[in-house]
Structure formats: C-alpha cells, structure tokens
C-alpha cells in the first residue's frame, strides 16, 4: 500500500479547513492505493541504492 497527500478540490479543502478551525488542530489528508511492488535483482538494487545516496530521497 502506498499513501501520499490527497489532491483536494476547493469544496473538500474548505470542509477540512472548517473542521481544523473548529478543532483547533491541523489535519492532513492522505490517499492510499494498493500497489504491487516490482521484483528487482541485486544489480538493479545496487543502482537504486547508489542514486539514493547521491540524491537523498528514498526510491
């Protein structure tokens, strides 16, 4: 499962902001998706790891 910040239309954003104001708390909106990870071999993993070290983010 992969989750990321939701893309919200103005109506949904306004509803969330109204609830945030009412609660006095910041809310985050996430959308989750079922995904199937690719199978990678050792050579591919090594290349991915090298790029992660160079760029910083986890791939």
C-alpha atoms as a PDB file:
ATOM      1  CA  UNK A   1       0.000   0.000   0.000  1.00  0.00           C
ATOM      2  CA  UNK A   2       1.266   3.453  -0.918  1.00  0.00           C
ATOM      3  CA  UNK A   3      -0.075   6.624   0.681  1.00  0.00           C
ATOM      4  CA  UNK A   4       0.522  10.227  -0.362  1.00  0.00           C
ATOM      5  CA  UNK A   5      -1.032  13.607   0.264  1.00  0.00           C
ATOM      6  CA  UNK A   6      -4.509  13.880  -1.260  1.00  0.00           C
ATOM      7  CA  UNK A   7      -5.395  16.172  -4.121  1.00  0.00           C
ATOM      8  CA  UNK A   8      -8.406  18.111  -2.877  1.00  0.00           C
ATOM      9  CA  UNK A   9     -10.951  20.226  -4.693  1.00  0.00           C
ATOM     10  CA  UNK A  10     -11.986  23.552  -3.148  1.00  0.00           C
ATOM     11  CA  UNK A  11     -15.128  22.099  -1.564  1.00  0.00           C
ATOM     12  CA  UNK A  12     -13.226  19.358   0.264  1.00  0.00           C
ATOM     13  CA  UNK A  13     -10.420  21.727   1.232  1.00  0.00           C
ATOM     14  CA  UNK A  14     -12.886  24.222   2.702  1.00  0.00           C
ATOM     15  CA  UNK A  15     -14.628  21.450   4.679  1.00  0.00           C
ATOM     16  CA  UNK A  16     -11.306  20.296   6.120  1.00  0.00           C
ATOM     17  CA  UNK A  17     -10.263  23.853   6.949  1.00  0.00           C
ATOM     18  CA  UNK A  18     -13.579  24.449   8.730  1.00  0.00           C
ATOM     19  CA  UNK A  19     -13.047  21.329  10.840  1.00  0.00           C
ATOM     20  CA  UNK A  20      -9.461  22.368  11.586  1.00  0.00           C
ATOM     21  CA  UNK A  21     -10.743  25.725  12.825  1.00  0.00           C
ATOM     22  CA  UNK A  22     -13.428  24.052  14.949  1.00  0.00           C
ATOM     23  CA  UNK A  23     -10.995  21.559  16.485  1.00  0.00           C
ATOM     24  CA  UNK A  24      -8.044  23.923  16.746  1.00  0.00           C
ATOM     25  CA  UNK A  25      -5.899  21.211  15.167  1.00  0.00           C
ATOM     26  CA  UNK A  26      -4.074  20.814  11.867  1.00  0.00           C
ATOM     27  CA  UNK A  27      -5.332  17.892   9.774  1.00  0.00           C
ATOM     28  CA  UNK A  28      -3.519  16.088   6.968  1.00  0.00           C
ATOM     29  CA  UNK A  29      -5.324  14.360   4.119  1.00  0.00           C
ATOM     30  CA  UNK A  30      -3.826  11.159   2.717  1.00  0.00           C
ATOM     31  CA  UNK A  31      -4.979   8.921  -0.116  1.00  0.00           C
ATOM     32  CA  UNK A  32      -3.804   5.303  -0.128  1.00  0.00           C
ATOM     33  CA  UNK A  33      -3.548   2.957  -3.094  1.00  0.00           C
ATOM     34  CA  UNK A  34      -2.948  -0.771  -3.344  1.00  0.00           C
ATOM     35  CA  UNK A  35       0.118  -1.324  -5.482  1.00  0.00           C
ATOM     36  CA  UNK A  36       2.218  -4.328  -6.357  1.00  0.00           C
ATOM     37  CA  UNK A  37       5.958  -3.812  -5.955  1.00  0.00           C
ATOM     38  CA  UNK A  38       8.255  -4.742  -8.808  1.00  0.00           C
ATOM     39  CA  UNK A  39      10.742  -7.570  -8.346  1.00  0.00           C
ATOM     40  CA  UNK A  40      14.302  -6.293  -8.736  1.00  0.00           C
ATOM     41  CA  UNK A  41      17.590  -8.147  -8.880  1.00  0.00           C
ATOM     42  CA  UNK A  42      20.784  -7.356  -6.938  1.00  0.00           C
ATOM     43  CA  UNK A  43      22.275  -5.267  -9.754  1.00  0.00           C
ATOM     44  CA  UNK A  44      19.146  -3.124 -10.021  1.00  0.00           C
ATOM     45  CA  UNK A  45      19.021  -2.712  -6.241  1.00  0.00           C
ATOM     46  CA  UNK A  46      22.640  -1.577  -6.238  1.00  0.00           C
ATOM     47  CA  UNK A  47      21.924   1.077  -8.885  1.00  0.00           C
ATOM     48  CA  UNK A  48      18.889   2.303  -6.967  1.00  0.00           C
ATOM     49  CA  UNK A  49      20.908   2.481  -3.731  1.00  0.00           C
ATOM     50  CA  UNK A  50      23.661   4.483  -5.449  1.00  0.00           C
ATOM     51  CA  UNK A  51      21.143   7.025  -6.735  1.00  0.00           C
ATOM     52  CA  UNK A  52      19.501   7.285  -3.300  1.00  0.00           C
ATOM     53  CA  UNK A  53      22.897   8.080  -1.748  1.00  0.00           C
ATOM     54  CA  UNK A  54      23.523  10.738  -4.400  1.00  0.00           C
ATOM     55  CA  UNK A  55      20.084  12.411  -4.285  1.00  0.00           C
ATOM     56  CA  UNK A  56      18.975  11.832  -0.697  1.00  0.00           C
ATOM     57  CA  UNK A  57      15.365  10.637  -1.161  1.00  0.00           C
ATOM     58  CA  UNK A  58      14.418   7.010  -0.743  1.00  0.00           C
ATOM     59  CA  UNK A  59      13.292   5.424  -4.013  1.00  0.00           C
END
